[in-house]
């Protein structure tokens, strides 16, 4: 935080304490509140009433937060950073905590519910001191100036947000929903939050890094889940589709041919009989009959009759 900002923060905080003390002691500020309320501005200028009913919406937390969040969300997407949205979230959280605590702690009633002329109407179950509309207008529209990237833009946005927050505060006094001291304290409360935001920038940066870290880990997990299996990876063994059988699993090379040895060479393996196979000795029924080749003729080429001796007949 710069020295100028620190000085402004100290002066605004002193003003905040003075206003609260003036209301608590029922000083001249409370008398001014009653004079303004009894003047009834909404009756003096009734033609402005319809317009100001809509204008005061610019200080309501819900509509303004949606509008500002939409704009800052677009900026976050364009700039690939979460800082604008995180700054808005931090400022609204501080606004709810600080302003809400003072509202509930002092319990001041509004002008429409006042019961005794000249009374500060404190500790009566109300929730209007400080003005939430005014403080919210200072914070939400002031965030645009706080996040401006150039000095010229920051200057113009600061003037615009100041005029808008002043107009919203004055409108609540015109409508009779707030005392004048409520509005002045609301301006001070909102300005304190804007001036204190630089102290929360390191925490905002850490939160942004944590969110991006979670996003990167999730993206890596998704990429790993969608990655196809390459040829270099180990595959699970596939079951063989060849029929399981005894001698039919081995190729045949011809009549009387031996099976291949353990190393794939033709002929019997070492230490194995010529008629034995790799799986074991041949069955007795096949031991004396050589294996028929796949393409051997069905009928033998010669006769199987034993030769008969020829008888020589005389002629």
Protein backbone atom coordinates (compact mmCIF):
# COMPACT_ATOMS: atom_id res chain seq x y z
CA UNK A 1 0.00 0.00 0.00
CA UNK A 2 1.35 3.43 -0.95
CA UNK A 3 1.74 6.24 1.55
CA UNK A 4 -1.09 8.21 -0.06
CA UNK A 5 -3.47 5.29 0.16
CA UNK A 6 -2.43 4.64 3.75
CA UNK A 7 -3.12 8.27 4.64
CA UNK A 8 -6.54 8.11 3.01
CA UNK A 9 -7.32 4.91 4.86
CA UNK A 10 -6.38 6.47 8.20
CA UNK A 11 -8.43 9.62 7.54
CA UNK A 12 -11.48 7.64 6.42
CA UNK A 13 -11.25 5.36 9.45
CA UNK A 14 -11.11 8.41 11.74
CA UNK A 15 -14.22 9.82 10.04
CA UNK A 16 -15.99 6.49 10.49
CA UNK A 17 -15.28 6.47 14.23
CA UNK A 18 -16.37 10.12 14.62
CA UNK A 19 -19.74 9.47 12.93
CA UNK A 20 -20.47 6.42 15.07
CA UNK A 21 -19.53 8.32 18.21
CA UNK A 22 -21.69 11.30 17.20
CA UNK A 23 -24.75 9.09 16.77
CA UNK A 24 -24.10 7.18 19.99
CA UNK A 25 -23.87 10.43 21.98
CA UNK A 26 -27.01 11.90 20.37
CA UNK A 27 -25.07 14.94 19.15
CA UNK A 28 -25.81 17.58 16.56
CA UNK A 29 -25.62 14.97 13.81
CA UNK A 30 -28.76 13.26 15.14
CA UNK A 31 -30.54 16.65 15.21
CA UNK A 32 -29.57 17.16 11.56
CA UNK A 33 -30.97 13.74 10.76
CA UNK A 34 -34.34 14.71 12.22
CA UNK A 35 -34.44 18.08 10.41
CA UNK A 36 -33.77 16.38 7.08
CA UNK A 37 -36.40 13.72 7.73
CA UNK A 38 -39.07 16.25 8.77
CA UNK A 39 -38.35 18.27 5.64
CA UNK A 40 -39.61 15.26 3.65
CA UNK A 41 -37.72 15.72 0.36
CA UNK A 42 -39.98 13.25 -1.47
CA UNK A 43 -42.86 15.69 -0.89
CA UNK A 44 -40.86 18.73 -1.97
CA UNK A 45 -39.97 17.30 -5.39
CA UNK A 46 -42.57 14.64 -6.17
CA UNK A 47 -41.73 14.63 -9.87
CA UNK A 48 -38.42 12.86 -9.20
CA UNK A 49 -39.98 10.03 -7.25
CA UNK A 50 -40.69 7.67 -10.18
CA UNK A 51 -37.20 8.02 -11.65
CA UNK A 52 -35.38 7.69 -8.33
CA UNK A 53 -37.28 4.52 -7.48
CA UNK A 54 -35.44 2.85 -10.37
CA UNK A 55 -32.17 4.69 -9.92
CA UNK A 56 -31.72 3.44 -6.35
CA UNK A 57 -31.57 -0.13 -7.68
CA UNK A 58 -27.98 0.65 -8.74
CA UNK A 59 -27.12 0.41 -5.05
CA UNK A 60 -28.83 -2.90 -4.33
CA UNK A 61 -26.37 -5.73 -3.77
CA UNK A 62 -28.04 -8.39 -5.89
CA UNK A 63 -28.51 -6.57 -9.24
CA UNK A 64 -25.21 -4.70 -9.05
CA UNK A 65 -23.25 -7.83 -8.11
CA UNK A 66 -24.68 -9.70 -11.11
CA UNK A 67 -23.86 -6.88 -13.52
CA UNK A 68 -20.33 -6.34 -12.25
CA UNK A 69 -19.63 -10.09 -12.04
CA UNK A 70 -20.70 -10.56 -15.68
CA UNK A 71 -18.33 -7.84 -16.86
CA UNK A 72 -15.42 -9.02 -14.71
CA UNK A 73 -16.05 -12.62 -15.75
CA UNK A 74 -15.64 -11.63 -19.38
CA UNK A 75 -12.42 -9.80 -18.49
CA UNK A 76 -11.13 -12.87 -16.63
CA UNK A 77 -11.82 -15.05 -19.66
CA UNK A 78 -10.09 -12.64 -22.04
CA UNK A 79 -7.06 -12.11 -19.81
CA UNK A 80 -6.80 -15.75 -18.61
CA UNK A 81 -6.78 -14.73 -14.96
CA UNK A 82 -9.16 -15.05 -12.01
CA UNK A 83 -8.00 -11.89 -10.26
CA UNK A 84 -10.96 -9.62 -11.26
CA UNK A 85 -13.52 -12.09 -9.98
CA UNK A 86 -11.52 -12.86 -6.85
CA UNK A 87 -11.15 -9.17 -6.04
CA UNK A 88 -14.90 -8.70 -6.41
CA UNK A 89 -15.59 -11.69 -4.20
CA UNK A 90 -13.17 -10.50 -1.51
CA UNK A 91 -14.64 -7.00 -1.50
CA UNK A 92 -18.23 -8.25 -1.21
CA UNK A 93 -17.22 -10.60 1.60
CA UNK A 94 -15.58 -7.73 3.50
CA UNK A 95 -18.64 -5.58 2.85
CA UNK A 96 -21.05 -8.14 4.28
CA UNK A 97 -18.89 -8.81 7.33
CA UNK A 98 -18.07 -5.24 8.32
CA UNK A 99 -21.28 -3.43 7.41
CA UNK A 100 -23.49 -6.29 8.53
CA UNK A 101 -21.80 -6.50 11.93
CA UNK A 102 -22.28 -2.76 12.62
CA UNK A 103 -25.89 -2.86 11.39
CA UNK A 104 -26.85 -5.69 13.71
CA UNK A 105 -24.74 -4.39 16.60
CA UNK A 106 -26.26 -0.89 16.69
CA UNK A 107 -29.78 -1.90 15.63
CA UNK A 108 -30.91 1.54 14.47
CA UNK A 109 -34.41 2.06 13.11
CA UNK A 110 -35.11 4.00 9.89
CA UNK A 111 -36.98 7.30 9.59
CA UNK A 112 -40.26 5.59 8.72
CA UNK A 113 -40.15 3.60 11.98
CA UNK A 114 -38.95 6.37 14.32
CA UNK A 115 -41.00 6.72 17.49
CA UNK A 116 -39.48 9.68 19.38
CA UNK A 117 -38.40 12.96 17.84
CA UNK A 118 -34.73 13.74 18.52
CA UNK A 119 -33.88 10.13 19.44
CA UNK A 120 -31.04 8.32 17.62
CA UNK A 121 -33.28 5.23 17.51
CA UNK A 122 -30.42 2.90 18.40
CA UNK A 123 -30.66 -0.66 19.74
CA UNK A 124 -34.24 -0.97 18.56
CA UNK A 125 -33.88 -4.03 16.34
CA UNK A 126 -33.24 -2.10 13.11
CA UNK A 127 -30.54 -2.63 10.50
CA UNK A 128 -30.03 0.58 8.55
CA UNK A 129 -26.88 2.12 10.09
CA UNK A 130 -24.71 2.37 8.01
CA UNK A 131 -26.55 2.48 4.70
CA UNK A 132 -26.07 -0.78 2.83
CA UNK A 133 -27.18 0.73 -0.49
CA UNK A 134 -24.56 3.45 -0.24
CA UNK A 135 -21.69 1.20 0.86
CA UNK A 136 -22.55 -1.34 -1.82
CA UNK A 137 -22.59 1.33 -4.53
CA UNK A 138 -19.16 2.56 -3.43
CA UNK A 139 -17.66 -0.94 -3.45
CA UNK A 140 -19.20 -2.53 -6.54
CA UNK A 141 -18.76 0.43 -8.87
CA UNK A 142 -15.44 1.40 -7.28
CA UNK A 143 -14.07 -2.07 -8.11
CA UNK A 144 -14.09 -1.07 -11.79
CA UNK A 145 -11.76 1.84 -11.03
CA UNK A 146 -9.60 -0.32 -8.75
CA UNK A 147 -9.07 -2.90 -11.52
CA UNK A 148 -8.44 -0.35 -14.29
CA UNK A 149 -5.23 -0.97 -16.21
CA UNK A 150 -4.35 2.62 -17.20
CA UNK A 151 -4.20 5.81 -15.08
CA UNK A 152 -6.57 7.64 -17.40
CA UNK A 153 -9.19 4.91 -17.24
CA UNK A 154 -8.79 4.68 -13.47
CA UNK A 155 -9.35 8.44 -13.13
CA UNK A 156 -12.54 8.44 -15.20
CA UNK A 157 -13.94 5.36 -13.52
CA UNK A 158 -13.17 6.81 -10.08
CA UNK A 159 -15.12 9.96 -10.88
CA UNK A 160 -18.01 7.97 -12.31
CA UNK A 161 -18.26 5.55 -9.39
CA UNK A 162 -18.04 8.43 -6.89
CA UNK A 163 -20.87 10.30 -8.60
CA UNK A 164 -22.97 7.14 -8.77
CA UNK A 165 -22.48 6.27 -5.10
CA UNK A 166 -23.22 9.85 -4.04
CA UNK A 167 -26.40 9.78 -6.11
CA UNK A 168 -27.55 6.47 -4.62
CA UNK A 169 -26.93 7.73 -1.07
CA UNK A 170 -28.78 10.98 -1.68
CA UNK A 171 -31.68 9.05 -3.23
CA UNK A 172 -32.15 6.96 -0.07
CA UNK A 173 -32.39 10.19 1.94
CA UNK A 174 -34.89 11.60 -0.57
CA UNK A 175 -37.06 8.49 -0.33
CA UNK A 176 -36.92 8.59 3.48
CA UNK A 177 -35.44 5.11 3.88
CA UNK A 178 -32.20 6.31 5.58
CA UNK A 179 -31.01 9.02 7.88
CA UNK A 180 -28.39 11.41 6.58
CA UNK A 181 -25.83 9.98 9.02
CA UNK A 182 -26.55 6.48 7.64
CA UNK A 183 -25.51 7.60 4.18
CA UNK A 184 -22.34 9.39 5.34
CA UNK A 185 -21.27 6.30 7.29
CA UNK A 186 -22.06 4.10 4.27
CA UNK A 187 -19.75 6.18 2.09
CA UNK A 188 -16.97 5.84 4.66
CA UNK A 189 -17.54 2.08 5.04
CA UNK A 190 -17.36 1.43 1.30
CA UNK A 191 -14.27 3.60 0.86
CA UNK A 192 -12.49 1.76 3.68
CA UNK A 193 -13.00 -1.55 1.88
CA UNK A 194 -11.61 -0.21 -1.40
CA UNK A 195 -8.59 1.29 0.36
CA UNK A 196 -7.90 -1.94 2.27
CA UNK A 197 -7.97 -4.23 -0.79
CA UNK A 198 -4.17 -4.05 -1.46
CA UNK A 199 -3.60 -5.82 1.86
CA UNK A 200 -5.58 -8.79 0.56
CA UNK A 201 -3.80 -9.05 -2.79
CA UNK A 202 -1.27 -11.73 -1.62
CA UNK A 203 -4.11 -13.93 -0.39
CA UNK A 204 -5.99 -13.41 -3.67
CA UNK A 205 -2.86 -14.46 -5.60
CA UNK A 206 -2.51 -17.65 -3.55
CA UNK A 207 -6.14 -18.55 -4.10
CA UNK A 208 -5.74 -18.02 -7.85
CA UNK A 209 -2.68 -20.29 -7.98
CA UNK A 210 -4.51 -22.97 -5.99
CA UNK A 211 -7.51 -22.88 -8.35
CA UNK A 212 -5.29 -23.08 -11.43
CA UNK A 213 -3.36 -25.97 -9.87
CA UNK A 214 -6.56 -27.94 -9.37
CA UNK A 215 -7.59 -27.16 -12.95
CA UNK A 216 -4.25 -28.33 -14.37
CA UNK A 217 -4.35 -31.58 -12.42
CA UNK A 218 -7.88 -32.26 -13.63
CA UNK A 219 -6.89 -31.60 -17.23
CA UNK A 220 -3.92 -33.95 -16.93
CA UNK A 221 -6.17 -36.65 -15.50
CA UNK A 222 -8.65 -36.22 -18.36
CA UNK A 223 -5.88 -36.41 -20.98
CA UNK A 224 -4.47 -39.55 -19.40
CA UNK A 225 -7.92 -41.15 -19.37
CA UNK A 226 -8.50 -40.39 -23.08
CA UNK A 227 -4.96 -41.31 -24.28
CA UNK A 228 -5.03 -44.30 -26.73
CA UNK A 229 -2.89 -47.39 -26.11
CA UNK A 230 0.30 -47.34 -28.24
CA UNK A 231 2.17 -50.28 -29.75
CA UNK A 232 5.03 -49.95 -27.28
CA UNK A 233 2.83 -50.61 -24.29
CA UNK A 234 2.47 -54.08 -22.82
CA UNK A 235 -0.70 -55.87 -23.82
CA UNK A 236 -2.42 -58.56 -21.85
CA UNK A 237 -1.87 -62.07 -23.27
CA UNK A 238 -4.60 -63.10 -25.65
CA UNK A 239 -5.94 -66.68 -25.63
CA UNK A 240 -4.97 -68.81 -28.60
CA UNK A 241 -7.64 -69.55 -31.17
CA UNK A 242 -6.00 -72.74 -32.46
CA UNK A 243 -7.88 -75.95 -31.68
CA UNK A 244 -6.47 -77.94 -28.84
CA UNK A 245 -5.51 -81.43 -29.86
CA UNK A 246 -2.74 -83.96 -29.75
CA UNK A 247 -0.90 -84.51 -32.95
CA UNK A 248 -3.16 -82.22 -34.99
CA UNK A 249 -1.45 -79.14 -33.49
CA UNK A 250 1.82 -79.96 -35.22
CA UNK A 251 2.31 -79.63 -38.99
CA UNK A 252 2.92 -82.71 -41.08
CA UNK A 253 5.59 -82.76 -43.72
CA UNK A 254 5.17 -86.14 -45.33
CA UNK A 255 5.26 -89.88 -44.93
CA UNK A 256 7.64 -90.95 -42.19
CA UNK A 257 8.71 -87.41 -41.43
CA UNK A 258 9.67 -86.63 -37.85
CA UNK A 259 8.37 -83.74 -35.83
CA UNK A 260 10.42 -80.60 -35.32
CA UNK A 261 12.69 -80.46 -32.38
CA UNK A 262 12.53 -77.99 -29.55
CA UNK A 263 14.51 -75.36 -31.45
CA UNK A 264 12.40 -75.58 -34.61
CA UNK A 265 14.91 -77.74 -36.57
CA UNK A 266 13.74 -80.69 -38.62
CA UNK A 267 14.34 -84.19 -37.37
CA UNK A 268 14.28 -85.64 -33.92
CA UNK A 269 15.63 -83.72 -30.96
CA UNK A 270 18.80 -84.66 -29.16
CA UNK A 271 18.57 -87.90 -27.25
CA UNK A 272 15.23 -88.76 -28.79
CA UNK A 273 14.32 -91.76 -30.83
CA UNK A 274 13.56 -91.23 -34.49
CA UNK A 275 9.95 -92.26 -34.00
CA UNK A 276 9.33 -90.05 -30.93
CA UNK A 277 7.64 -86.69 -30.99
CA UNK A 278 8.28 -83.57 -28.91
CA UNK A 279 5.27 -84.36 -26.73
CA UNK A 280 6.31 -87.97 -26.06
CA UNK A 281 6.56 -91.39 -27.76
CA UNK A 282 4.11 -92.38 -30.41
CA UNK A 283 1.16 -94.57 -29.51
CA UNK A 284 1.49 -98.28 -30.33
CA UNK A 285 -1.09 -98.04 -33.07
CA UNK A 286 1.01 -95.40 -34.83
CA UNK A 287 4.44 -96.77 -34.05
CA UNK A 288 4.52 -99.25 -36.97
CA UNK A 289 2.58 -97.08 -39.39
CA UNK A 290 4.17 -93.92 -40.66
CA UNK A 291 2.12 -90.79 -40.72
CA UNK A 292 0.24 -90.30 -43.94
CA UNK A 293 0.86 -86.96 -45.61
CA UNK A 294 -2.03 -84.54 -46.04
CA UNK A 295 -2.10 -84.90 -49.80
CA UNK A 296 -1.26 -88.62 -50.13
CA UNK A 297 -3.54 -90.67 -52.38
CA UNK A 298 -6.34 -92.57 -50.73
CA UNK A 299 -5.50 -95.93 -52.33
CA UNK A 300 -1.96 -97.27 -52.34
CA UNK A 301 -0.11 -97.11 -55.58
CA UNK A 302 0.80 -100.81 -55.55
CA UNK A 303 -0.89 -104.03 -54.58
CA UNK A 304 -0.57 -105.41 -51.07
CA UNK A 305 -0.89 -109.08 -52.16
CA UNK A 306 2.09 -111.19 -51.38
CA UNK A 307 3.96 -112.30 -54.42
CA UNK A 308 2.95 -115.79 -55.66
CA UNK A 309 5.30 -118.14 -57.32
CA UNK A 310 4.55 -118.86 -60.94
CA UNK A 311 3.98 -122.48 -61.94
CA UNK A 312 5.57 -123.54 -65.15
CA UNK A 313 3.17 -125.58 -67.14
CA UNK A 314 4.23 -127.79 -69.88
CA UNK A 315 3.08 -127.21 -73.32
